[in-house]
Amino acid sequence: MPISVFVSIKLERQREEELDRFAAAVARWPEIVDCYLMTGQRDYLLRVVVKDLPVYEAFLKQKLTRLEGVASIESSFALDQFKQSTVLPMM
């Protein structure tokens, strides 16, 4: 079963050029299945799906930590999934 990792990213600066550069970089990586520009303390929230911890470690070291302009990275691992839906509420 694959591992889902929720990754919070804070950039050094939130200028348009830096936001665009980050978005372009993560759009190329298939491990990132969701990416959100956020309000609050972090700039981006990613959902990364990998087959195991060594693969996530390699992704982190070889891709995320090498991105220019990233100030901090915080990873949280999903223990279980109780609901997943692609159906939108009709209200």
PDB file of N, CA and C in Angstrom:
ATOM      1  N   MET A   1       0.848  -1.181   0.000  1.00  0.00           N
ATOM      2  CA  MET A   1       0.000   0.000   0.000  1.00  0.00           C
ATOM      3  C   MET A   1       0.891   1.242   0.000  1.00  0.00           C
ATOM      4  N   PRO A   2       0.580   2.203  -0.849  1.00  0.00           N
ATOM      5  CA  PRO A   2       1.425   3.396  -0.911  1.00  0.00           C
ATOM      6  C   PRO A   2       1.290   4.265   0.339  1.00  0.00           C
ATOM      7  N   ILE A   3       2.280   5.111   0.519  1.00  0.00           N
ATOM      8  CA  ILE A   3       2.319   6.028   1.658  1.00  0.00           C
ATOM      9  C   ILE A   3       1.935   7.420   1.174  1.00  0.00           C
ATOM     10  N   SER A   4       1.025   8.078   1.897  1.00  0.00           N
ATOM     11  CA  SER A   4       0.683   9.473   1.624  1.00  0.00           C
ATOM     12  C   SER A   4       1.391  10.351   2.639  1.00  0.00           C
ATOM     13  N   VAL A   5       2.071  11.348   2.121  1.00  0.00           N
ATOM     14  CA  VAL A   5       2.787  12.302   2.966  1.00  0.00           C
ATOM     15  C   VAL A   5       2.238  13.687   2.652  1.00  0.00           C
ATOM     16  N   PHE A   6       1.835  14.404   3.693  1.00  0.00           N
ATOM     17  CA  PHE A   6       1.390  15.784   3.536  1.00  0.00           C
ATOM     18  C   PHE A   6       2.578  16.670   3.881  1.00  0.00           C
ATOM     19  N   VAL A   7       2.968  17.508   2.925  1.00  0.00           N
ATOM     20  CA  VAL A   7       4.181  18.298   3.064  1.00  0.00           C
ATOM     21  C   VAL A   7       3.823  19.777   3.029  1.00  0.00           C
ATOM     22  N   SER A   8       4.174  20.479   4.104  1.00  0.00           N
ATOM     23  CA  SER A   8       3.974  21.920   4.174  1.00  0.00           C
ATOM     24  C   SER A   8       5.276  22.604   3.776  1.00  0.00           C
ATOM     25  N   ILE A   9       5.168  23.560   2.877  1.00  0.00           N
ATOM     26  CA  ILE A   9       6.333  24.267   2.358  1.00  0.00           C
ATOM     27  C   ILE A   9       6.203  25.751   2.670  1.00  0.00           C
ATOM     28  N   LYS A  10       7.269  26.327   3.180  1.00  0.00           N
ATOM     29  CA  LYS A  10       7.345  27.772   3.359  1.00  0.00           C
ATOM     30  C   LYS A  10       8.462  28.273   2.453  1.00  0.00           C
ATOM     31  N   LEU A  11       8.145  29.273   1.654  1.00  0.00           N
ATOM     32  CA  LEU A  11       9.144  29.868   0.778  1.00  0.00           C
ATOM     33  C   LEU A  11       9.862  31.008   1.491  1.00  0.00           C
ATOM     34  N   GLU A  12      11.055  31.334   1.003  1.00  0.00           N
ATOM     35  CA  GLU A  12      11.794  32.466   1.561  1.00  0.00           C
ATOM     36  C   GLU A  12      11.068  33.778   1.298  1.00  0.00           C
ATOM     37  N   ARG A  13      10.475  33.886   0.106  1.00  0.00           N
ATOM     38  CA  ARG A  13       9.709  35.073  -0.279  1.00  0.00           C
ATOM     39  C   ARG A  13       8.454  34.624  -1.010  1.00  0.00           C
ATOM     40  N   GLN A  14       7.415  35.445  -0.958  1.00  0.00           N
ATOM     41  CA  GLN A  14       6.156  35.110  -1.618  1.00  0.00           C
ATOM     42  C   GLN A  14       5.910  35.998  -2.838  1.00  0.00           C
ATOM     43  N   ARG A  15       6.968  36.367  -3.516  1.00  0.00           N
ATOM     44  CA  ARG A  15       6.807  37.156  -4.734  1.00  0.00           C
ATOM     45  C   ARG A  15       6.317  36.255  -5.864  1.00  0.00           C
ATOM     46  N   GLU A  16       5.673  36.868  -6.827  1.00  0.00           N
ATOM     47  CA  GLU A  16       5.070  36.119  -7.931  1.00  0.00           C
ATOM     48  C   GLU A  16       6.078  35.219  -8.641  1.00  0.00           C
ATOM     49  N   GLU A  17       7.295  35.701  -8.844  1.00  0.00           N
ATOM     50  CA  GLU A  17       8.306  34.898  -9.549  1.00  0.00           C
ATOM     51  C   GLU A  17       8.629  33.621  -8.779  1.00  0.00           C
ATOM     52  N   GLU A  18       8.770  33.744  -7.454  1.00  0.00           N
ATOM     53  CA  GLU A  18       9.081  32.578  -6.631  1.00  0.00           C
ATOM     54  C   GLU A  18       7.920  31.589  -6.587  1.00  0.00           C
ATOM     55  N   LEU A  19       6.698  32.119  -6.485  1.00  0.00           N
ATOM     56  CA  LEU A  19       5.515  31.249  -6.484  1.00  0.00           C
ATOM     57  C   LEU A  19       5.403  30.494  -7.800  1.00  0.00           C
ATOM     58  N   ASP A  20       5.615  31.198  -8.909  1.00  0.00           N
ATOM     59  CA  ASP A  20       5.535  30.564 -10.230  1.00  0.00           C
ATOM     60  C   ASP A  20       6.630  29.518 -10.422  1.00  0.00           C
ATOM     61  N   ARG A  21       7.830  29.825  -9.963  1.00  0.00           N
ATOM     62  CA  ARG A  21       8.941  28.875 -10.102  1.00  0.00           C
ATOM     63  C   ARG A  21       8.678  27.602  -9.306  1.00  0.00           C
ATOM     64  N   PHE A  22       8.155  27.757  -8.086  1.00  0.00           N
ATOM     65  CA  PHE A  22       7.848  26.585  -7.268  1.00  0.00           C
ATOM     66  C   PHE A  22       6.752  25.751  -7.927  1.00  0.00           C
ATOM     67  N   ALA A  23       5.681  26.396  -8.362  1.00  0.00           N
ATOM     68  CA  ALA A  23       4.562  25.681  -8.983  1.00  0.00           C
ATOM     69  C   ALA A  23       5.010  24.932 -10.243  1.00  0.00           C
ATOM     70  N   ALA A  24       5.858  25.545 -11.042  1.00  0.00           N
ATOM     71  CA  ALA A  24       6.353  24.886 -12.257  1.00  0.00           C
ATOM     72  C   ALA A  24       7.198  23.666 -11.923  1.00  0.00           C
ATOM     73  N   ALA A  25       8.008  23.762 -10.898  1.00  0.00           N
ATOM     74  CA  ALA A  25       8.866  22.639 -10.514  1.00  0.00           C
ATOM     75  C   ALA A  25       8.036  21.463 -10.024  1.00  0.00           C
ATOM     76  N   VAL A  26       7.107  21.707  -9.099  1.00  0.00           N
ATOM     77  CA  VAL A  26       6.352  20.581  -8.536  1.00  0.00           C
ATOM     78  C   VAL A  26       5.360  19.988  -9.538  1.00  0.00           C
ATOM     79  N   ALA A  27       4.962  20.753 -10.534  1.00  0.00           N
ATOM     80  CA  ALA A  27       4.044  20.226 -11.556  1.00  0.00           C
ATOM     81  C   ALA A  27       4.687  19.101 -12.366  1.00  0.00           C
ATOM     82  N   ARG A  28       6.008  19.075 -12.417  1.00  0.00           N
ATOM     83  CA  ARG A  28       6.740  18.057 -13.196  1.00  0.00           C
ATOM     84  C   ARG A  28       6.918  16.740 -12.460  1.00  0.00           C
ATOM     85  N   TRP A  29       6.684  16.715 -11.156  1.00  0.00           N
ATOM     86  CA  TRP A  29       7.005  15.535 -10.357  1.00  0.00           C
ATOM     87  C   TRP A  29       5.771  14.678 -10.106  1.00  0.00           C
ATOM     88  N   PRO A  30       5.747  13.454 -10.598  1.00  0.00           N
ATOM     89  CA  PRO A  30       4.562  12.604 -10.457  1.00  0.00           C
ATOM     90  C   PRO A  30       4.270  12.180  -9.013  1.00  0.00           C
ATOM     91  N   GLU A  31       5.249  12.245  -8.133  1.00  0.00           N
ATOM     92  CA  GLU A  31       5.020  11.887  -6.727  1.00  0.00           C
ATOM     93  C   GLU A  31       4.034  12.836  -6.051  1.00  0.00           C
ATOM     94  N   ILE A  32       3.960  14.060  -6.548  1.00  0.00           N
ATOM     95  CA  ILE A  32       3.051  15.061  -5.980  1.00  0.00           C
ATOM     96  C   ILE A  32       1.719  14.928  -6.695  1.00  0.00           C
ATOM     97  N   VAL A  33       0.714  14.457  -5.972  1.00  0.00           N
ATOM     98  CA  VAL A  33      -0.597  14.242  -6.586  1.00  0.00           C
ATOM     99  C   VAL A  33      -1.554  15.400  -6.332  1.00  0.00           C
ATOM    100  N   ASP A  34      -1.291  16.212  -5.315  1.00  0.00           N
ATOM    101  CA  ASP A  34      -2.087  17.412  -5.034  1.00  0.00           C
ATOM    102  C   ASP A  34      -1.139  18.507  -4.566  1.00  0.00           C
ATOM    103  N   CYS A  35      -1.417  19.739  -4.974  1.00  0.00           N
ATOM    104  CA  CYS A  35      -0.619  20.883  -4.532  1.00  0.00           C
ATOM    105  C   CYS A  35      -1.556  22.069  -4.387  1.00  0.00           C
ATOM    106  N   TYR A  36      -1.527  22.691  -3.207  1.00  0.00           N
ATOM    107  CA  TYR A  36      -2.396  23.832  -2.913  1.00  0.00           C
ATOM    108  C   TYR A  36      -1.558  25.028  -2.473  1.00  0.00           C
ATOM    109  N   LEU A  37      -1.863  26.203  -3.003  1.00  0.00           N
ATOM    110  CA  LEU A  37      -1.333  27.452  -2.493  1.00  0.00           C
ATOM    111  C   LEU A  37      -2.199  27.821  -1.301  1.00  0.00           C
ATOM    112  N   MET A  38      -1.569  28.062  -0.151  1.00  0.00           N
ATOM    113  CA  MET A  38      -2.309  28.188   1.098  1.00  0.00           C
ATOM    114  C   MET A  38      -2.225  29.599   1.692  1.00  0.00           C
ATOM    115  N   THR A  39      -3.161  29.892   2.581  1.00  0.00           N
ATOM    116  CA  THR A  39      -3.048  31.048   3.448  1.00  0.00           C
ATOM    117  C   THR A  39      -2.474  30.551   4.773  1.00  0.00           C
ATOM    118  N   GLY A  40      -2.049  31.476   5.621  1.00  0.00           N
ATOM    119  CA  GLY A  40      -1.547  31.064   6.929  1.00  0.00           C
ATOM    120  C   GLY A  40      -0.032  31.011   6.975  1.00  0.00           C
ATOM    121  N   GLN A  41       0.504  30.163   7.854  1.00  0.00           N
ATOM    122  CA  GLN A  41       1.941  30.116   8.115  1.00  0.00           C
ATOM    123  C   GLN A  41       2.748  29.463   7.002  1.00  0.00           C
ATOM    124  N   ARG A  42       2.150  28.595   6.237  1.00  0.00           N
ATOM    125  CA  ARG A  42       2.853  27.910   5.143  1.00  0.00           C
ATOM    126  C   ARG A  42       2.323  28.391   3.806  1.00  0.00           C
ATOM    127  N   ASP A  43       3.161  28.275   2.784  1.00  0.00           N
ATOM    128  CA  ASP A  43       2.768  28.758   1.456  1.00  0.00           C
ATOM    129  C   ASP A  43       2.114  27.676   0.608  1.00  0.00           C
ATOM    130  N   TYR A  44       2.583  26.444   0.730  1.00  0.00           N
ATOM    131  CA  TYR A  44       2.035  25.350  -0.065  1.00  0.00           C
ATOM    132  C   TYR A  44       1.779  24.135   0.810  1.00  0.00           C
ATOM    133  N   LEU A  45       0.758  23.381   0.429  1.00  0.00           N
ATOM    134  CA  LEU A  45       0.497  22.075   1.023  1.00  0.00           C
ATOM    135  C   LEU A  45       0.481  21.069  -0.115  1.00  0.00           C
ATOM    136  N   LEU A  46       1.336  20.052  -0.012  1.00  0.00           N
ATOM    137  CA  LEU A  46       1.450  19.020  -1.035  1.00  0.00           C
ATOM    138  C   LEU A  46       0.983  17.691  -0.463  1.00  0.00           C
ATOM    139  N   ARG A  47       0.408  16.878  -1.327  1.00  0.00           N
ATOM    140  CA  ARG A  47       0.197  15.472  -0.969  1.00  0.00           C
ATOM    141  C   ARG A  47       1.093  14.668  -1.885  1.00  0.00           C
ATOM    142  N   VAL A  48       2.014  13.964  -1.271  1.00  0.00           N
ATOM    143  CA  VAL A  48       3.001  13.162  -1.984  1.00  0.00           C
ATOM    144  C   VAL A  48       2.660  11.700  -1.748  1.00  0.00           C
ATOM    145  N   VAL A  49       2.632  10.908  -2.814  1.00  0.00           N
ATOM    146  CA  VAL A  49       2.349   9.482  -2.693  1.00  0.00           C
ATOM    147  C   VAL A  49       3.551   8.707  -3.222  1.00  0.00           C
ATOM    148  N   VAL A  50       4.071   7.840  -2.348  1.00  0.00           N
ATOM    149  CA  VAL A  50       5.234   7.013  -2.683  1.00  0.00           C
ATOM    150  C   VAL A  50       5.004   5.590  -2.183  1.00  0.00           C
ATOM    151  N   LYS A  51       5.816   4.652  -2.656  1.00  0.00           N
ATOM    152  CA  LYS A  51       5.596   3.256  -2.258  1.00  0.00           C
ATOM    153  C   LYS A  51       6.144   2.923  -0.878  1.00  0.00           C
ATOM    154  N   ASP A  52       7.179   3.667  -0.428  1.00  0.00           N
ATOM    155  CA  ASP A  52       7.744   3.375   0.895  1.00  0.00           C
ATOM    156  C   ASP A  52       8.597   4.545   1.378  1.00  0.00           C
ATOM    157  N   LEU A  53       9.099   4.441   2.610  1.00  0.00           N
ATOM    158  CA  LEU A  53       9.872   5.528   3.212  1.00  0.00           C
ATOM    159  C   LEU A  53      11.197   5.808   2.497  1.00  0.00           C
ATOM    160  N   PRO A  54      11.944   4.797   2.052  1.00  0.00           N
ATOM    161  CA  PRO A  54      13.171   5.111   1.313  1.00  0.00           C
ATOM    162  C   PRO A  54      12.908   5.916   0.032  1.00  0.00           C
ATOM    163  N   VAL A  55      11.792   5.640  -0.644  1.00  0.00           N
ATOM    164  CA  VAL A  55      11.455   6.401  -1.848  1.00  0.00           C
ATOM    165  C   VAL A  55      11.120   7.852  -1.476  1.00  0.00           C
ATOM    166  N   TYR A  56      10.406   8.051  -0.360  1.00  0.00           N
ATOM    167  CA  TYR A  56      10.112   9.419   0.080  1.00  0.00           C
ATOM    168  C   TYR A  56      11.398  10.145   0.467  1.00  0.00           C
ATOM    169  N   GLU A  57      12.285   9.468   1.163  1.00  0.00           N
ATOM    170  CA  GLU A  57      13.552  10.086   1.554  1.00  0.00           C
ATOM    171  C   GLU A  57      14.328  10.544   0.320  1.00  0.00           C
ATOM    172  N   ALA A  58      14.376   9.705  -0.706  1.00  0.00           N
ATOM    173  CA  ALA A  58      15.070  10.068  -1.944  1.00  0.00           C
ATOM    174  C   ALA A  58      14.383  11.256  -2.615  1.00  0.00           C
ATOM    175  N   PHE A  59      13.053  11.248  -2.665  1.00  0.00           N
ATOM    176  CA  PHE A  59      12.297  12.371  -3.240  1.00  0.00           C
ATOM    177  C   PHE A  59      12.620  13.661  -2.486  1.00  0.00           C
ATOM    178  N   LEU A  60      12.614  13.594  -1.164  1.00  0.00           N
ATOM    179  CA  LEU A  60      12.885  14.763  -0.331  1.00  0.00           C
ATOM    180  C   LEU A  60      14.294  15.300  -0.585  1.00  0.00           C
ATOM    181  N   LYS A  61      15.281  14.408  -0.553  1.00  0.00           N
ATOM    182  CA  LYS A  61      16.674  14.825  -0.692  1.00  0.00           C
ATOM    183  C   LYS A  61      17.040  15.254  -2.108  1.00  0.00           C
ATOM    184  N   GLN A  62      16.505  14.544  -3.102  1.00  0.00           N
ATOM    185  CA  GLN A  62      16.920  14.793  -4.478  1.00  0.00           C
ATOM    186  C   GLN A  62      16.078  15.839  -5.202  1.00  0.00           C
ATOM    187  N   LYS A  63      14.892  16.128  -4.672  1.00  0.00           N
ATOM    188  CA  LYS A  63      14.027  17.089  -5.364  1.00  0.00           C
ATOM    189  C   LYS A  63      13.637  18.267  -4.473  1.00  0.00           C
ATOM    190  N   LEU A  64      12.848  18.020  -3.443  1.00  0.00           N
ATOM    191  CA  LEU A  64      12.306  19.128  -2.649  1.00  0.00           C
ATOM    192  C   LEU A  64      13.381  19.997  -2.010  1.00  0.00           C
ATOM    193  N   THR A  65      14.368  19.388  -1.373  1.00  0.00           N
ATOM    194  CA  THR A  65      15.380  20.191  -0.680  1.00  0.00           C
ATOM    195  C   THR A  65      16.295  20.944  -1.633  1.00  0.00           C
ATOM    196  N   ARG A  66      16.268  20.586  -2.898  1.00  0.00           N
ATOM    197  CA  ARG A  66      17.119  21.252  -3.891  1.00  0.00           C
ATOM    198  C   ARG A  66      16.428  22.430  -4.575  1.00  0.00           C
ATOM    199  N   LEU A  67      15.166  22.637  -4.281  1.00  0.00           N
ATOM    200  CA  LEU A  67      14.448  23.755  -4.899  1.00  0.00           C
ATOM    201  C   LEU A  67      14.934  25.085  -4.335  1.00  0.00           C
ATOM    202  N   GLU A  68      15.291  25.972  -5.216  1.00  0.00           N
ATOM    203  CA  GLU A  68      15.721  27.300  -4.800  1.00  0.00           C
ATOM    204  C   GLU A  68      14.536  28.065  -4.204  1.00  0.00           C
ATOM    205  N   GLY A  69      14.780  28.761  -3.107  1.00  0.00           N
ATOM    206  CA  GLY A  69      13.763  29.602  -2.505  1.00  0.00           C
ATOM    207  C   GLY A  69      12.925  28.951  -1.425  1.00  0.00           C
ATOM    208  N   VAL A  70      13.156  27.671  -1.142  1.00  0.00           N
ATOM    209  CA  VAL A  70      12.400  26.987  -0.090  1.00  0.00           C
ATOM    210  C   VAL A  70      13.063  27.276   1.255  1.00  0.00           C
ATOM    211  N   ALA A  71      12.285  27.828   2.196  1.00  0.00           N
ATOM    212  CA  ALA A  71      12.808  28.152   3.519  1.00  0.00           C
ATOM    213  C   ALA A  71      12.656  26.977   4.477  1.00  0.00           C
ATOM    214  N   SER A  72      11.529  26.258   4.404  1.00  0.00           N
ATOM    215  CA  SER A  72      11.333  25.121   5.302  1.00  0.00           C
ATOM    216  C   SER A  72      10.383  24.104   4.690  1.00  0.00           C
ATOM    217  N   ILE A  73      10.565  22.858   5.130  1.00  0.00           N
ATOM    218  CA  ILE A  73       9.761  21.725   4.684  1.00  0.00           C
ATOM    219  C   ILE A  73       9.345  20.955   5.929  1.00  0.00           C
ATOM    220  N   GLU A  74       8.042  20.676   6.036  1.00  0.00           N
ATOM    221  CA  GLU A  74       7.529  19.898   7.171  1.00  0.00           C
ATOM    222  C   GLU A  74       6.681  18.756   6.633  1.00  0.00           C
ATOM    223  N   SER A  75       7.040  17.528   6.977  1.00  0.00           N
ATOM    224  CA  SER A  75       6.346  16.340   6.484  1.00  0.00           C
ATOM    225  C   SER A  75       5.489  15.718   7.573  1.00  0.00           C
ATOM    226  N   SER A  76       4.262  15.334   7.214  1.00  0.00           N
ATOM    227  CA  SER A  76       3.365  14.597   8.106  1.00  0.00           C
ATOM    228  C   SER A  76       2.883  13.364   7.357  1.00  0.00           C
ATOM    229  N   PHE A  77       2.959  12.213   8.012  1.00  0.00           N
ATOM    230  CA  PHE A  77       2.596  10.956   7.370  1.00  0.00           C
ATOM    231  C   PHE A  77       1.185  10.545   7.759  1.00  0.00           C
ATOM    232  N   ALA A  78       0.383  10.173   6.760  1.00  0.00           N
ATOM    233  CA  ALA A  78      -0.974   9.691   7.009  1.00  0.00           C
ATOM    234  C   ALA A  78      -0.892   8.271   7.569  1.00  0.00           C
ATOM    235  N   LEU A  79      -1.579   8.040   8.677  1.00  0.00           N
ATOM    236  CA  LEU A  79      -1.606   6.704   9.273  1.00  0.00           C
ATOM    237  C   LEU A  79      -2.694   5.834   8.682  1.00  0.00           C
ATOM    238  N   ASP A  80      -3.827   6.443   8.344  1.00  0.00           N
ATOM    239  CA  ASP A  80      -4.963   5.704   7.799  1.00  0.00           C
ATOM    240  C   ASP A  80      -5.823   6.677   7.013  1.00  0.00           C
ATOM    241  N   GLN A  81      -6.615   6.157   6.110  1.00  0.00           N
ATOM    242  CA  GLN A  81      -7.531   6.987   5.329  1.00  0.00           C
ATOM    243  C   GLN A  81      -8.947   6.478   5.561  1.00  0.00           C
ATOM    244  N   PHE A  82      -9.817   7.373   5.999  1.00  0.00           N
ATOM    245  CA  PHE A  82     -11.179   6.992   6.325  1.00  0.00           C
ATOM    246  C   PHE A  82     -12.182   7.355   5.242  1.00  0.00           C
ATOM    247  N   LYS A  83     -11.831   8.345   4.427  1.00  0.00           N
ATOM    248  CA  LYS A  83     -12.741   8.744   3.359  1.00  0.00           C
ATOM    249  C   LYS A  83     -11.938   9.341   2.217  1.00  0.00           C
ATOM    250  N   GLN A  84     -12.354   8.984   1.017  1.00  0.00           N
ATOM    251  CA  GLN A  84     -11.813   9.598  -0.185  1.00  0.00           C
ATOM    252  C   GLN A  84     -12.962   9.690  -1.170  1.00  0.00           C
ATOM    253  N   SER A  85     -13.146  10.853  -1.723  1.00  0.00           N
ATOM    254  CA  SER A  85     -14.253  11.039  -2.644  1.00  0.00           C
ATOM    255  C   SER A  85     -13.874  12.040  -3.720  1.00  0.00           C
ATOM    256  N   THR A  86     -14.389  11.818  -4.893  1.00  0.00           N
ATOM    257  CA  THR A  86     -14.245  12.789  -5.971  1.00  0.00           C
ATOM    258  C   THR A  86     -15.595  13.426  -6.300  1.00  0.00           C
ATOM    259  N   VAL A  87     -16.612  13.038  -5.539  1.00  0.00           N
ATOM    260  CA  VAL A  87     -17.966  13.569  -5.746  1.00  0.00           C
ATOM    261  C   VAL A  87     -18.101  14.889  -5.005  1.00  0.00           C
ATOM    262  N   LEU A  88     -18.566  15.914  -5.707  1.00  0.00           N
ATOM    263  CA  LEU A  88     -18.773  17.214  -5.085  1.00  0.00           C
ATOM    264  C   LEU A  88     -20.191  17.304  -4.544  1.00  0.00           C
ATOM    265  N   PRO A  89     -20.381  17.976  -3.394  1.00  0.00           N
ATOM    266  CA  PRO A  89     -21.743  18.121  -2.858  1.00  0.00           C
ATOM    267  C   PRO A  89     -22.569  19.026  -3.776  1.00  0.00           C
ATOM    268  N   MET A  90     -23.827  18.687  -3.952  1.00  0.00           N
ATOM    269  CA  MET A  90     -24.728  19.462  -4.820  1.00  0.00           C
ATOM    270  C   MET A  90     -25.590  20.367  -3.967  1.00  0.00           C
ATOM    271  N   MET A  91     -25.098  21.560  -3.666  1.00  0.00           N
ATOM    272  CA  MET A  91     -25.839  22.513  -2.848  1.00  0.00           C
ATOM    273  C   MET A  91     -26.008  23.823  -3.550  1.00  0.00           C
TER     274      MET A  91
END
